[in-house]
């Protein structure tokens, strides 16, 4: 079971890493190395994937709450305009 969890985490981390490949590893003077990130993913994937999923879920929830608040404000403004 642990092996399956580890493999799923590695696949998720590699997908996230290579999705932003061009943005992260441009031809700039900093000399970023995708090999070091690959080694880091292999060693820490078991903790990186759950953290990334949790942070993504928190961001989505925050955006949904903000959209709900904005929609409520919009609805209140419409009813106030109807009264006047």
C-alpha atoms as a PDB file:
ATOM      1  CA  UNK A   1       0.000   0.000   0.000  1.00  0.00           C
ATOM      2  CA  UNK A   2       2.845   2.381   0.825  1.00  0.00           C
ATOM      3  CA  UNK A   3       4.470   1.653  -2.544  1.00  0.00           C
ATOM      4  CA  UNK A   4       1.233   2.507  -4.366  1.00  0.00           C
ATOM      5  CA  UNK A   5       0.888   5.755  -2.402  1.00  0.00           C
ATOM      6  CA  UNK A   6       4.508   6.654  -3.189  1.00  0.00           C
ATOM      7  CA  UNK A   7       4.090   5.934  -6.916  1.00  0.00           C
ATOM      8  CA  UNK A   8       0.899   8.011  -7.120  1.00  0.00           C
ATOM      9  CA  UNK A   9       2.645  10.889  -5.324  1.00  0.00           C
ATOM     10  CA  UNK A  10       5.637  10.692  -7.684  1.00  0.00           C
ATOM     11  CA  UNK A  11       3.393  10.747 -10.740  1.00  0.00           C
ATOM     12  CA  UNK A  12       1.456  13.731  -9.378  1.00  0.00           C
ATOM     13  CA  UNK A  13       4.631  15.661  -8.539  1.00  0.00           C
ATOM     14  CA  UNK A  14       6.200  14.969 -11.926  1.00  0.00           C
ATOM     15  CA  UNK A  15       3.028  16.109 -13.689  1.00  0.00           C
ATOM     16  CA  UNK A  16       3.070  19.353 -11.719  1.00  0.00           C
ATOM     17  CA  UNK A  17       6.798  19.794 -12.311  1.00  0.00           C
ATOM     18  CA  UNK A  18       6.700  19.241 -16.058  1.00  0.00           C
ATOM     19  CA  UNK A  19       3.506  21.239 -16.543  1.00  0.00           C
ATOM     20  CA  UNK A  20       5.497  24.372 -15.702  1.00  0.00           C
ATOM     21  CA  UNK A  21       8.729  23.204 -17.323  1.00  0.00           C
ATOM     22  CA  UNK A  22       9.186  26.088 -19.805  1.00  0.00           C
ATOM     23  CA  UNK A  23       8.383  28.711 -17.180  1.00  0.00           C
ATOM     24  CA  UNK A  24      10.725  27.302 -14.545  1.00  0.00           C
ATOM     25  CA  UNK A  25      13.718  26.405 -16.701  1.00  0.00           C
ATOM     26  CA  UNK A  26      14.160  29.274 -19.091  1.00  0.00           C
ATOM     27  CA  UNK A  27      17.480  30.159 -20.658  1.00  0.00           C
ATOM     28  CA  UNK A  28      18.187  32.719 -17.940  1.00  0.00           C
ATOM     29  CA  UNK A  29      21.462  33.280 -16.104  1.00  0.00           C
ATOM     30  CA  UNK A  30      20.285  31.527 -12.940  1.00  0.00           C
ATOM     31  CA  UNK A  31      21.033  28.077 -14.333  1.00  0.00           C
ATOM     32  CA  UNK A  32      18.150  26.161 -12.780  1.00  0.00           C
ATOM     33  CA  UNK A  33      18.599  22.438 -13.048  1.00  0.00           C
ATOM     34  CA  UNK A  34      15.650  20.100 -13.665  1.00  0.00           C
ATOM     35  CA  UNK A  35      17.812  17.197 -12.501  1.00  0.00           C
ATOM     36  CA  UNK A  36      17.925  18.543  -8.955  1.00  0.00           C
ATOM     37  CA  UNK A  37      14.150  18.968  -8.923  1.00  0.00           C
ATOM     38  CA  UNK A  38      13.763  15.395 -10.146  1.00  0.00           C
ATOM     39  CA  UNK A  39      15.933  14.108  -7.307  1.00  0.00           C
ATOM     40  CA  UNK A  40      13.950  16.216  -4.840  1.00  0.00           C
ATOM     41  CA  UNK A  41      10.671  14.787  -6.162  1.00  0.00           C
ATOM     42  CA  UNK A  42      11.937  11.228  -5.830  1.00  0.00           C
ATOM     43  CA  UNK A  43      12.950  11.814  -2.221  1.00  0.00           C
ATOM     44  CA  UNK A  44      10.080  13.992  -1.007  1.00  0.00           C
ATOM     45  CA  UNK A  45       7.092  13.090  -3.189  1.00  0.00           C
ATOM     46  CA  UNK A  46       5.325  11.344  -0.314  1.00  0.00           C
ATOM     47  CA  UNK A  47       4.978  14.687   1.514  1.00  0.00           C
ATOM     48  CA  UNK A  48       4.920  17.175  -1.398  1.00  0.00           C
ATOM     49  CA  UNK A  49       1.825  15.756  -3.104  1.00  0.00           C
ATOM     50  CA  UNK A  50      -0.509  15.922  -0.069  1.00  0.00           C
ATOM     51  CA  UNK A  51       0.697  19.429   0.762  1.00  0.00           C
ATOM     52  CA  UNK A  52       0.114  20.614  -2.803  1.00  0.00           C
ATOM     53  CA  UNK A  53      -3.342  19.054  -2.931  1.00  0.00           C
ATOM     54  CA  UNK A  54      -4.239  20.620   0.432  1.00  0.00           C
ATOM     55  CA  UNK A  55      -3.045  24.078  -0.591  1.00  0.00           C
ATOM     56  CA  UNK A  56      -4.878  23.832  -3.907  1.00  0.00           C
ATOM     57  CA  UNK A  57      -8.084  22.809  -2.133  1.00  0.00           C
ATOM     58  CA  UNK A  58      -7.739  25.690   0.328  1.00  0.00           C
ATOM     59  CA  UNK A  59      -7.208  28.161  -2.551  1.00  0.00           C
ATOM     60  CA  UNK A  60     -10.281  26.827  -4.410  1.00  0.00           C
ATOM     61  CA  UNK A  61     -12.389  27.028  -1.252  1.00  0.00           C
ATOM     62  CA  UNK A  62     -11.236  30.594  -0.579  1.00  0.00           C
ATOM     63  CA  UNK A  63     -12.051  31.646  -4.155  1.00  0.00           C
ATOM     64  CA  UNK A  64     -15.486  30.010  -3.922  1.00  0.00           C
ATOM     65  CA  UNK A  65     -16.235  31.795  -0.640  1.00  0.00           C
ATOM     66  CA  UNK A  66     -15.132  35.106  -2.129  1.00  0.00           C
ATOM     67  CA  UNK A  67     -17.358  34.526  -5.163  1.00  0.00           C
ATOM     68  CA  UNK A  68     -20.284  33.730  -2.859  1.00  0.00           C
ATOM     69  CA  UNK A  69     -19.682  36.915  -0.844  1.00  0.00           C
ATOM     70  CA  UNK A  70     -19.458  38.986  -4.029  1.00  0.00           C
ATOM     71  CA  UNK A  71     -22.662  37.412  -5.347  1.00  0.00           C
ATOM     72  CA  UNK A  72     -24.439  38.198  -2.079  1.00  0.00           C
ATOM     73  CA  UNK A  73     -23.286  41.830  -2.252  1.00  0.00           C
ATOM     74  CA  UNK A  74     -24.485  42.025  -5.848  1.00  0.00           C
ATOM     75  CA  UNK A  75     -27.895  40.612  -4.890  1.00  0.00           C
ATOM     76  CA  UNK A  76     -28.266  43.114  -2.041  1.00  0.00           C
ATOM     77  CA  UNK A  77     -27.376  46.014  -4.335  1.00  0.00           C
ATOM     78  CA  UNK A  78     -30.009  44.921  -6.833  1.00  0.00           C
ATOM     79  CA  UNK A  79     -32.745  44.804  -4.216  1.00  0.00           C
ATOM     80  CA  UNK A  80     -31.773  48.249  -2.902  1.00  0.00           C
ATOM     81  CA  UNK A  81     -31.999  49.695  -6.431  1.00  0.00           C
ATOM     82  CA  UNK A  82     -35.480  48.225  -6.820  1.00  0.00           C
ATOM     83  CA  UNK A  83     -36.646  49.977  -3.645  1.00  0.00           C
ATOM     84  CA  UNK A  84     -35.495  53.432  -4.748  1.00  0.00           C
END
